[in-house]
């Protein structure tokens, strides 16, 4: 795996050499020569796949190929947000799709009720978004709040009043 790449392109060969040095054993030899059963072990397979990918990317970059990250992200987003993916993923996950136009007829009753509740809260103006999913506050405020919560959780001497005051001060300092 990756042998032809390393033999054909000095940049790829350097990537394999760097990986060998960083890992502390001849990963390149394992990639090029096997044995396959050792290469398939997770602790070897993951660094091997990463190394081959980086080597290929390095060669492509050296040859002037510059990937279009925006197009890739757009494609990924369109696939993830497609009704088919939303159905398959959320049925397996046990949640409701991010898209409100996905038919939930084949979903379980709990998921169907969750969608009705979501739609009712949106219509009624009472939807409270989840801070845990970065939906309500800017990251700088979220980070400050979570820092105070973590400190409060890990320090039994801190009172709830002290934590509330610290949170107010911390959030205020972010403005």
N, C-alpha and C. Protein backbone atom coordinates (compact mmCIF):
# COMPACT_ATOMS: atom_id res chain seq x y z
N UNK A 1 0.84 -1.17 0.00
CA UNK A 1 0.00 0.00 0.00
C UNK A 1 0.89 1.24 0.00
N UNK A 2 0.80 2.02 -1.07
CA UNK A 2 1.56 3.26 -1.17
C UNK A 2 2.96 3.12 -1.74
N UNK A 3 3.38 1.90 -2.02
CA UNK A 3 4.75 1.68 -2.51
C UNK A 3 5.01 2.42 -3.82
N UNK A 4 4.12 2.26 -4.80
CA UNK A 4 4.32 2.90 -6.10
C UNK A 4 4.38 4.41 -5.95
N UNK A 5 3.59 4.94 -5.07
CA UNK A 5 3.58 6.38 -4.82
C UNK A 5 4.94 6.83 -4.28
N UNK A 6 5.45 6.11 -3.29
CA UNK A 6 6.73 6.47 -2.68
C UNK A 6 7.89 6.27 -3.65
N UNK A 7 7.80 5.24 -4.48
CA UNK A 7 8.87 4.98 -5.44
C UNK A 7 8.86 5.99 -6.59
N UNK A 8 7.71 6.53 -6.91
CA UNK A 8 7.58 7.44 -8.05
C UNK A 8 7.78 8.91 -7.70
N UNK A 9 7.55 9.27 -6.45
CA UNK A 9 7.58 10.68 -6.09
C UNK A 9 8.38 10.91 -4.80
N UNK A 10 9.46 11.69 -4.89
CA UNK A 10 10.27 11.96 -3.70
C UNK A 10 9.46 12.59 -2.56
N UNK A 11 8.50 13.43 -2.88
CA UNK A 11 7.69 14.06 -1.82
C UNK A 11 6.91 13.01 -1.03
N UNK A 12 6.38 12.02 -1.73
CA UNK A 12 5.66 10.94 -1.06
C UNK A 12 6.63 10.11 -0.21
N UNK A 13 7.80 9.85 -0.75
CA UNK A 13 8.80 9.07 -0.01
C UNK A 13 9.15 9.79 1.30
N UNK A 14 9.29 11.13 1.24
CA UNK A 14 9.60 11.89 2.45
C UNK A 14 8.48 11.77 3.49
N UNK A 15 7.23 11.74 3.03
CA UNK A 15 6.11 11.59 3.96
C UNK A 15 6.23 10.25 4.70
N UNK A 16 6.53 9.19 3.96
CA UNK A 16 6.69 7.88 4.60
C UNK A 16 7.88 7.87 5.57
N UNK A 17 8.98 8.52 5.19
CA UNK A 17 10.14 8.60 6.08
C UNK A 17 9.80 9.36 7.35
N UNK A 18 9.07 10.46 7.20
CA UNK A 18 8.67 11.25 8.37
C UNK A 18 7.75 10.44 9.28
N UNK A 19 6.85 9.67 8.68
CA UNK A 19 5.94 8.83 9.47
C UNK A 19 6.72 7.76 10.23
N UNK A 20 7.69 7.12 9.55
CA UNK A 20 8.52 6.11 10.21
C UNK A 20 9.21 6.69 11.44
N UNK A 21 9.75 7.88 11.26
CA UNK A 21 10.47 8.53 12.36
C UNK A 21 9.52 8.93 13.49
N UNK A 22 8.38 9.49 13.13
CA UNK A 22 7.42 9.95 14.14
C UNK A 22 6.84 8.80 14.94
N UNK A 23 6.57 7.69 14.27
CA UNK A 23 5.95 6.55 14.93
C UNK A 23 6.98 5.71 15.69
N UNK A 24 8.20 5.71 15.17
CA UNK A 24 9.25 4.96 15.85
C UNK A 24 9.41 3.54 15.37
N UNK A 25 8.78 3.19 14.28
CA UNK A 25 8.99 1.89 13.65
C UNK A 25 8.74 2.04 12.15
N UNK A 26 9.24 1.10 11.36
CA UNK A 26 9.15 1.25 9.90
C UNK A 26 7.74 0.98 9.36
N UNK A 27 6.88 1.95 9.52
CA UNK A 27 5.52 1.85 9.00
C UNK A 27 5.55 1.67 7.49
N UNK A 28 6.50 2.35 6.83
CA UNK A 28 6.58 2.24 5.37
C UNK A 28 6.82 0.79 4.94
N UNK A 29 7.68 0.09 5.64
CA UNK A 29 7.94 -1.31 5.29
C UNK A 29 6.68 -2.14 5.47
N UNK A 30 5.96 -1.89 6.54
CA UNK A 30 4.70 -2.61 6.76
C UNK A 30 3.71 -2.30 5.64
N UNK A 31 3.64 -1.03 5.22
CA UNK A 31 2.73 -0.65 4.12
C UNK A 31 3.15 -1.32 2.82
N UNK A 32 4.45 -1.32 2.53
CA UNK A 32 4.93 -1.79 1.24
C UNK A 32 5.03 -3.31 1.16
N UNK A 33 5.38 -3.95 2.29
CA UNK A 33 5.70 -5.37 2.25
C UNK A 33 4.76 -6.25 3.08
N UNK A 34 4.03 -5.66 3.97
CA UNK A 34 3.18 -6.45 4.85
C UNK A 34 3.94 -6.93 6.06
N UNK A 35 3.45 -7.99 6.69
CA UNK A 35 2.37 -8.86 6.27
C UNK A 35 0.99 -8.20 6.41
N UNK A 36 0.09 -8.61 5.54
CA UNK A 36 -1.23 -7.99 5.48
C UNK A 36 -2.00 -8.12 6.79
N UNK A 37 -1.86 -9.25 7.47
CA UNK A 37 -2.59 -9.42 8.73
C UNK A 37 -2.14 -8.40 9.78
N UNK A 38 -0.86 -8.00 9.75
CA UNK A 38 -0.37 -6.97 10.67
C UNK A 38 -0.83 -5.58 10.23
N UNK A 39 -0.89 -5.39 8.93
CA UNK A 39 -1.34 -4.10 8.39
C UNK A 39 -2.81 -3.85 8.71
N UNK A 40 -3.59 -4.91 8.81
CA UNK A 40 -5.03 -4.78 9.08
C UNK A 40 -5.34 -4.49 10.55
N UNK A 41 -4.36 -4.62 11.42
CA UNK A 41 -4.59 -4.30 12.83
C UNK A 41 -4.84 -2.80 12.96
N UNK A 42 -5.83 -2.41 13.73
CA UNK A 42 -6.22 -1.01 13.85
C UNK A 42 -5.05 -0.11 14.18
N UNK A 43 -4.19 -0.55 15.11
CA UNK A 43 -3.07 0.30 15.52
C UNK A 43 -2.06 0.54 14.39
N UNK A 44 -2.10 -0.30 13.36
CA UNK A 44 -1.24 -0.12 12.20
C UNK A 44 -2.02 0.46 11.02
N UNK A 45 -3.25 0.01 10.87
CA UNK A 45 -4.05 0.40 9.71
C UNK A 45 -4.34 1.90 9.69
N UNK A 46 -4.71 2.46 10.83
CA UNK A 46 -5.07 3.88 10.85
C UNK A 46 -3.88 4.78 10.51
N UNK A 47 -2.71 4.59 11.13
CA UNK A 47 -1.59 5.44 10.71
C UNK A 47 -1.15 5.17 9.27
N UNK A 48 -1.30 3.92 8.81
CA UNK A 48 -0.93 3.61 7.43
C UNK A 48 -1.84 4.33 6.45
N UNK A 49 -3.14 4.29 6.68
CA UNK A 49 -4.08 4.98 5.80
C UNK A 49 -3.85 6.49 5.81
N UNK A 50 -3.61 7.02 6.99
CA UNK A 50 -3.34 8.45 7.09
C UNK A 50 -2.07 8.82 6.33
N UNK A 51 -1.03 8.01 6.50
CA UNK A 51 0.25 8.30 5.83
C UNK A 51 0.11 8.25 4.31
N UNK A 52 -0.56 7.22 3.80
CA UNK A 52 -0.76 7.12 2.35
C UNK A 52 -1.59 8.30 1.85
N UNK A 53 -2.60 8.68 2.59
CA UNK A 53 -3.44 9.82 2.19
C UNK A 53 -2.63 11.11 2.16
N UNK A 54 -1.82 11.33 3.18
CA UNK A 54 -1.00 12.54 3.22
C UNK A 54 0.03 12.51 2.09
N UNK A 55 0.61 11.35 1.83
CA UNK A 55 1.58 11.24 0.73
C UNK A 55 0.92 11.58 -0.60
N UNK A 56 -0.27 11.03 -0.84
CA UNK A 56 -0.97 11.31 -2.10
C UNK A 56 -1.33 12.80 -2.19
N UNK A 57 -1.83 13.35 -1.11
CA UNK A 57 -2.18 14.77 -1.09
C UNK A 57 -0.96 15.64 -1.35
N UNK A 58 0.18 15.27 -0.74
CA UNK A 58 1.41 16.03 -0.92
C UNK A 58 1.85 16.04 -2.38
N UNK A 59 1.76 14.88 -3.03
CA UNK A 59 2.12 14.79 -4.44
C UNK A 59 1.18 15.63 -5.29
N UNK A 60 -0.10 15.53 -5.03
CA UNK A 60 -1.07 16.30 -5.79
C UNK A 60 -0.84 17.80 -5.61
N UNK A 61 -0.58 18.20 -4.41
CA UNK A 61 -0.29 19.61 -4.12
C UNK A 61 0.96 20.07 -4.87
N UNK A 62 2.00 19.21 -4.82
CA UNK A 62 3.26 19.53 -5.50
C UNK A 62 3.05 19.68 -7.01
N UNK A 63 2.10 18.95 -7.55
CA UNK A 63 1.82 18.99 -8.99
C UNK A 63 0.88 20.13 -9.36
N UNK A 64 0.52 20.95 -8.37
CA UNK A 64 -0.30 22.11 -8.66
C UNK A 64 -1.79 21.92 -8.46
N UNK A 65 -2.19 20.75 -7.99
CA UNK A 65 -3.61 20.52 -7.75
C UNK A 65 -3.98 21.10 -6.40
N UNK A 66 -4.97 21.96 -6.40
CA UNK A 66 -5.42 22.57 -5.15
C UNK A 66 -6.89 22.23 -4.99
N UNK A 67 -7.22 21.40 -4.03
CA UNK A 67 -8.61 20.96 -3.88
C UNK A 67 -9.54 22.11 -3.55
N UNK A 68 -10.73 21.99 -4.05
CA UNK A 68 -11.74 23.00 -3.81
C UNK A 68 -12.50 22.60 -2.55
N UNK A 69 -12.05 23.13 -1.43
CA UNK A 69 -12.67 22.76 -0.15
C UNK A 69 -14.13 23.21 -0.07
N UNK A 70 -14.42 24.35 -0.63
CA UNK A 70 -15.79 24.86 -0.57
C UNK A 70 -16.74 23.91 -1.30
N UNK A 71 -16.31 23.44 -2.48
CA UNK A 71 -17.16 22.51 -3.24
C UNK A 71 -17.35 21.21 -2.45
N UNK A 72 -16.30 20.75 -1.82
CA UNK A 72 -16.40 19.52 -1.02
C UNK A 72 -17.34 19.69 0.17
N UNK A 73 -17.21 20.81 0.86
CA UNK A 73 -18.09 21.07 2.00
C UNK A 73 -19.54 21.23 1.55
N UNK A 74 -19.73 21.88 0.41
CA UNK A 74 -21.08 22.06 -0.13
C UNK A 74 -21.71 20.72 -0.49
N UNK A 75 -20.92 19.86 -1.12
CA UNK A 75 -21.41 18.53 -1.46
C UNK A 75 -21.77 17.74 -0.21
N UNK A 76 -20.88 17.76 0.78
CA UNK A 76 -21.14 17.04 2.03
C UNK A 76 -22.41 17.56 2.69
N UNK A 77 -22.56 18.87 2.76
CA UNK A 77 -23.75 19.45 3.38
C UNK A 77 -25.01 19.06 2.63
N UNK A 78 -24.95 19.08 1.30
CA UNK A 78 -26.16 18.72 0.53
C UNK A 78 -26.51 17.25 0.71
N UNK A 79 -25.50 16.40 0.83
CA UNK A 79 -25.77 14.98 1.06
C UNK A 79 -26.37 14.75 2.45
N UNK A 80 -25.77 15.38 3.45
CA UNK A 80 -26.25 15.21 4.82
C UNK A 80 -27.67 15.77 4.99
N UNK A 81 -27.95 16.86 4.32
CA UNK A 81 -29.27 17.48 4.47
C UNK A 81 -30.31 16.91 3.51
N UNK A 82 -29.93 15.95 2.68
CA UNK A 82 -30.91 15.36 1.76
C UNK A 82 -31.98 14.61 2.57
N UNK A 83 -33.20 14.61 2.09
CA UNK A 83 -34.27 13.91 2.81
C UNK A 83 -33.95 12.43 3.06
N UNK A 84 -33.33 11.78 2.10
CA UNK A 84 -33.01 10.37 2.27
C UNK A 84 -32.02 10.16 3.42
N UNK A 85 -30.93 10.93 3.45
CA UNK A 85 -29.95 10.79 4.52
C UNK A 85 -30.59 11.14 5.86
N UNK A 86 -31.35 12.23 5.90
CA UNK A 86 -31.99 12.64 7.14
C UNK A 86 -32.90 11.53 7.69
N UNK A 87 -33.59 10.84 6.79
CA UNK A 87 -34.47 9.73 7.21
C UNK A 87 -33.66 8.58 7.77
N UNK A 88 -32.69 8.10 7.01
CA UNK A 88 -31.90 6.94 7.44
C UNK A 88 -31.15 7.24 8.74
N UNK A 89 -30.48 8.38 8.78
CA UNK A 89 -29.67 8.74 9.95
C UNK A 89 -30.52 8.89 11.20
N UNK A 90 -31.60 9.66 11.09
CA UNK A 90 -32.40 9.95 12.28
C UNK A 90 -33.24 8.77 12.75
N UNK A 91 -33.64 7.90 11.85
CA UNK A 91 -34.33 6.67 12.30
C UNK A 91 -33.36 5.84 13.13
N UNK A 92 -32.12 5.75 12.69
CA UNK A 92 -31.12 4.97 13.43
C UNK A 92 -30.75 5.65 14.74
N UNK A 93 -30.67 6.96 14.72
CA UNK A 93 -30.26 7.73 15.90
C UNK A 93 -31.38 7.86 16.92
N UNK A 94 -32.61 7.82 16.44
CA UNK A 94 -33.75 7.97 17.35
C UNK A 94 -34.12 9.42 17.58
N UNK A 95 -33.72 10.29 16.67
CA UNK A 95 -34.07 11.70 16.81
C UNK A 95 -34.88 12.13 15.59
N UNK A 96 -35.14 13.42 15.51
CA UNK A 96 -35.92 13.91 14.36
C UNK A 96 -34.98 14.63 13.40
N UNK A 97 -35.33 14.65 12.13
CA UNK A 97 -34.49 15.31 11.13
C UNK A 97 -34.39 16.82 11.35
N UNK A 98 -33.28 17.38 10.93
CA UNK A 98 -33.12 18.84 10.96
C UNK A 98 -34.06 19.50 9.97
N UNK A 99 -34.37 18.77 8.90
CA UNK A 99 -35.31 19.28 7.89
C UNK A 99 -36.74 19.03 8.37
N UNK A 100 -37.57 20.05 8.31
CA UNK A 100 -38.95 19.90 8.75
C UNK A 100 -39.85 19.32 7.67
N UNK A 101 -39.33 19.18 6.44
CA UNK A 101 -40.15 18.66 5.35
C UNK A 101 -39.99 17.14 5.14
N UNK A 102 -39.27 16.48 6.04
CA UNK A 102 -39.09 15.03 5.92
C UNK A 102 -40.32 14.33 6.51
N UNK A 103 -40.90 13.42 5.76
CA UNK A 103 -42.08 12.68 6.20
C UNK A 103 -41.68 11.69 7.29
N UNK A 104 -42.34 11.76 8.43
CA UNK A 104 -42.03 10.89 9.56
C UNK A 104 -43.00 9.72 9.70
N UNK A 105 -43.73 9.39 8.65
CA UNK A 105 -44.72 8.32 8.72
C UNK A 105 -44.09 6.99 9.16
N UNK A 106 -42.85 6.73 8.76
CA UNK A 106 -42.18 5.47 9.12
C UNK A 106 -41.34 5.58 10.38
N UNK A 107 -41.34 6.74 11.03
CA UNK A 107 -40.58 6.92 12.26
C UNK A 107 -41.40 6.40 13.44
N UNK A 108 -40.74 6.23 14.58
CA UNK A 108 -41.47 5.72 15.74
C UNK A 108 -42.35 6.82 16.35
N UNK A 109 -43.33 6.44 17.18
CA UNK A 109 -44.26 7.43 17.74
C UNK A 109 -43.58 8.53 18.55
N UNK A 110 -42.50 8.20 19.23
CA UNK A 110 -41.79 9.22 20.02
C UNK A 110 -41.19 10.28 19.10
N UNK A 111 -40.60 9.85 17.98
CA UNK A 111 -40.03 10.79 17.03
C UNK A 111 -41.13 11.64 16.39
N UNK A 112 -42.26 11.02 16.09
CA UNK A 112 -43.37 11.76 15.49
C UNK A 112 -43.88 12.84 16.46
N UNK A 113 -43.98 12.48 17.75
CA UNK A 113 -44.43 13.45 18.76
C UNK A 113 -43.40 14.57 18.92
N UNK A 114 -42.13 14.22 18.88
CA UNK A 114 -41.08 15.23 19.01
C UNK A 114 -41.18 16.27 17.88
N UNK A 115 -41.48 15.81 16.68
CA UNK A 115 -41.61 16.74 15.55
C UNK A 115 -42.83 17.64 15.76
N UNK A 116 -43.94 17.06 16.21
CA UNK A 116 -45.14 17.87 16.46
C UNK A 116 -44.85 18.92 17.53
N UNK A 117 -44.15 18.51 18.60
CA UNK A 117 -43.80 19.45 19.67
C UNK A 117 -42.88 20.56 19.16
N UNK A 118 -41.91 20.18 18.33
CA UNK A 118 -41.00 21.17 17.76
C UNK A 118 -41.77 22.18 16.92
N UNK A 119 -42.64 21.67 16.04
CA UNK A 119 -43.41 22.57 15.18
C UNK A 119 -44.33 23.48 15.99
N UNK A 120 -44.90 22.94 17.06
CA UNK A 120 -45.77 23.75 17.92
C UNK A 120 -44.97 24.84 18.62
N UNK A 121 -43.77 24.51 19.09
CA UNK A 121 -42.96 25.53 19.78
C UNK A 121 -42.46 26.60 18.81
N UNK A 122 -42.19 26.20 17.57
CA UNK A 122 -41.79 27.19 16.56
C UNK A 122 -42.97 28.12 16.27
N UNK A 123 -44.14 27.53 16.03
CA UNK A 123 -45.34 28.32 15.73
C UNK A 123 -45.72 29.23 16.88
N UNK A 124 -45.57 28.73 18.11
CA UNK A 124 -45.96 29.50 19.29
C UNK A 124 -44.90 30.47 19.77
N UNK A 125 -43.73 30.46 19.13
CA UNK A 125 -42.66 31.37 19.54
C UNK A 125 -42.00 30.99 20.85
N UNK A 126 -42.12 29.72 21.24
CA UNK A 126 -41.56 29.31 22.52
C UNK A 126 -40.38 28.36 22.39
N UNK A 127 -39.82 28.25 21.20
CA UNK A 127 -38.69 27.35 20.99
C UNK A 127 -37.47 27.85 21.75
N UNK A 128 -36.89 26.98 22.54
CA UNK A 128 -35.65 27.28 23.25
C UNK A 128 -34.58 26.40 22.63
N UNK A 129 -33.64 27.03 21.98
CA UNK A 129 -32.60 26.27 21.30
C UNK A 129 -31.57 25.76 22.29
N UNK A 130 -30.84 24.75 21.87
CA UNK A 130 -29.87 24.09 22.74
C UNK A 130 -28.52 24.80 22.72
N UNK A 131 -28.06 25.25 23.88
CA UNK A 131 -26.73 25.83 23.97
C UNK A 131 -25.68 24.76 23.69
N UNK A 132 -25.98 23.53 24.05
CA UNK A 132 -25.02 22.44 23.87
C UNK A 132 -24.68 22.23 22.40
N UNK A 133 -25.57 22.62 21.51
CA UNK A 133 -25.33 22.43 20.08
C UNK A 133 -24.99 23.74 19.37
N UNK A 134 -24.52 24.72 20.14
CA UNK A 134 -24.10 26.01 19.59
C UNK A 134 -25.22 26.73 18.84
N UNK A 135 -26.44 26.60 19.33
CA UNK A 135 -27.56 27.21 18.62
C UNK A 135 -28.01 28.52 19.24
N UNK A 136 -27.56 28.83 20.46
CA UNK A 136 -28.13 30.00 21.11
C UNK A 136 -27.17 31.14 21.33
N UNK A 137 -25.92 30.85 21.54
CA UNK A 137 -24.99 31.90 21.91
C UNK A 137 -23.73 31.83 21.07
N UNK A 138 -23.08 32.96 20.98
CA UNK A 138 -21.80 32.99 20.29
C UNK A 138 -20.80 32.10 21.04
N UNK A 139 -19.84 31.57 20.32
CA UNK A 139 -18.87 30.65 20.90
C UNK A 139 -18.12 31.27 22.08
N UNK A 140 -17.81 32.56 22.01
CA UNK A 140 -17.06 33.18 23.11
C UNK A 140 -17.87 33.15 24.41
N UNK A 141 -19.18 33.35 24.32
CA UNK A 141 -20.02 33.28 25.52
C UNK A 141 -20.18 31.83 25.99
N UNK A 142 -20.40 30.94 25.04
CA UNK A 142 -20.55 29.53 25.38
C UNK A 142 -19.30 29.02 26.09
N UNK A 143 -18.14 29.36 25.57
CA UNK A 143 -16.88 28.93 26.18
C UNK A 143 -16.75 29.47 27.60
N UNK A 144 -17.09 30.74 27.78
CA UNK A 144 -17.00 31.34 29.11
C UNK A 144 -17.96 30.67 30.09
N UNK A 145 -19.17 30.41 29.64
CA UNK A 145 -20.16 29.75 30.50
C UNK A 145 -19.71 28.35 30.87
N UNK A 146 -19.25 27.60 29.89
CA UNK A 146 -18.82 26.23 30.17
C UNK A 146 -17.60 26.19 31.09
N UNK A 147 -16.74 27.17 30.98
CA UNK A 147 -15.58 27.24 31.88
C UNK A 147 -16.04 27.42 33.33
N UNK A 148 -16.99 28.31 33.55
CA UNK A 148 -17.51 28.53 34.91
C UNK A 148 -18.22 27.27 35.41
N UNK A 149 -19.02 26.65 34.57
CA UNK A 149 -19.72 25.43 34.97
C UNK A 149 -18.72 24.34 35.33
N UNK A 150 -17.67 24.20 34.55
CA UNK A 150 -16.64 23.18 34.83
C UNK A 150 -15.97 23.47 36.16
N UNK A 151 -15.61 24.72 36.39
CA UNK A 151 -14.97 25.07 37.67
C UNK A 151 -15.91 24.80 38.84
N UNK A 152 -17.17 25.15 38.69
CA UNK A 152 -18.15 24.93 39.75
C UNK A 152 -18.32 23.44 40.04
N UNK A 153 -18.38 22.65 38.98
CA UNK A 153 -18.55 21.21 39.13
C UNK A 153 -17.34 20.57 39.82
N UNK A 154 -16.17 21.06 39.53
CA UNK A 154 -14.95 20.46 40.05
C UNK A 154 -14.48 21.03 41.39
N UNK A 155 -15.13 22.08 41.88
CA UNK A 155 -14.73 22.69 43.14
C UNK A 155 -15.90 22.69 44.11
N UNK A 156 -15.96 21.70 45.00
CA UNK A 156 -17.11 21.60 45.92
C UNK A 156 -17.23 22.78 46.90
N UNK A 157 -16.18 23.57 47.04
CA UNK A 157 -16.23 24.71 47.96
C UNK A 157 -16.95 25.92 47.34
N UNK A 158 -17.12 25.92 46.02
CA UNK A 158 -17.79 27.03 45.36
C UNK A 158 -19.30 26.89 45.56
N UNK A 159 -19.94 27.95 46.03
CA UNK A 159 -21.39 27.92 46.21
C UNK A 159 -22.07 28.25 44.88
N UNK A 160 -23.35 27.92 44.81
CA UNK A 160 -24.12 28.23 43.61
C UNK A 160 -24.17 29.74 43.38
N UNK A 161 -24.28 30.50 44.46
CA UNK A 161 -24.32 31.96 44.34
C UNK A 161 -23.00 32.49 43.78
N UNK A 162 -21.88 31.94 44.27
CA UNK A 162 -20.57 32.37 43.76
C UNK A 162 -20.44 32.03 42.27
N UNK A 163 -20.88 30.85 41.91
CA UNK A 163 -20.80 30.43 40.50
C UNK A 163 -21.66 31.32 39.63
N UNK A 164 -22.86 31.66 40.10
CA UNK A 164 -23.75 32.53 39.32
C UNK A 164 -23.13 33.91 39.13
N UNK A 165 -22.53 34.43 40.20
CA UNK A 165 -21.87 35.74 40.10
C UNK A 165 -20.68 35.67 39.14
N UNK A 166 -19.91 34.59 39.27
CA UNK A 166 -18.75 34.41 38.39
C UNK A 166 -19.19 34.29 36.93
N UNK A 167 -20.31 33.60 36.72
CA UNK A 167 -20.81 33.44 35.35
C UNK A 167 -21.23 34.79 34.79
N UNK A 168 -21.95 35.56 35.58
CA UNK A 168 -22.38 36.89 35.11
C UNK A 168 -21.17 37.76 34.78
N UNK A 169 -20.16 37.73 35.66
CA UNK A 169 -18.96 38.53 35.42
C UNK A 169 -18.20 38.06 34.18
N UNK A 170 -18.13 36.74 34.03
CA UNK A 170 -17.39 36.17 32.89
C UNK A 170 -18.08 36.51 31.58
N UNK A 171 -19.38 36.38 31.54
CA UNK A 171 -20.12 36.69 30.32
C UNK A 171 -20.02 38.18 30.03
N UNK A 172 -20.15 39.00 31.04
CA UNK A 172 -20.04 40.46 30.88
C UNK A 172 -18.66 40.84 30.31
N UNK A 173 -17.63 40.15 30.77
CA UNK A 173 -16.26 40.44 30.32
C UNK A 173 -16.07 40.10 28.84
N UNK A 174 -16.93 39.26 28.27
CA UNK A 174 -16.82 38.87 26.87
C UNK A 174 -17.39 39.92 25.92
N UNK A 175 -18.14 40.88 26.45
CA UNK A 175 -18.79 41.88 25.59
C UNK A 175 -17.78 42.84 25.01
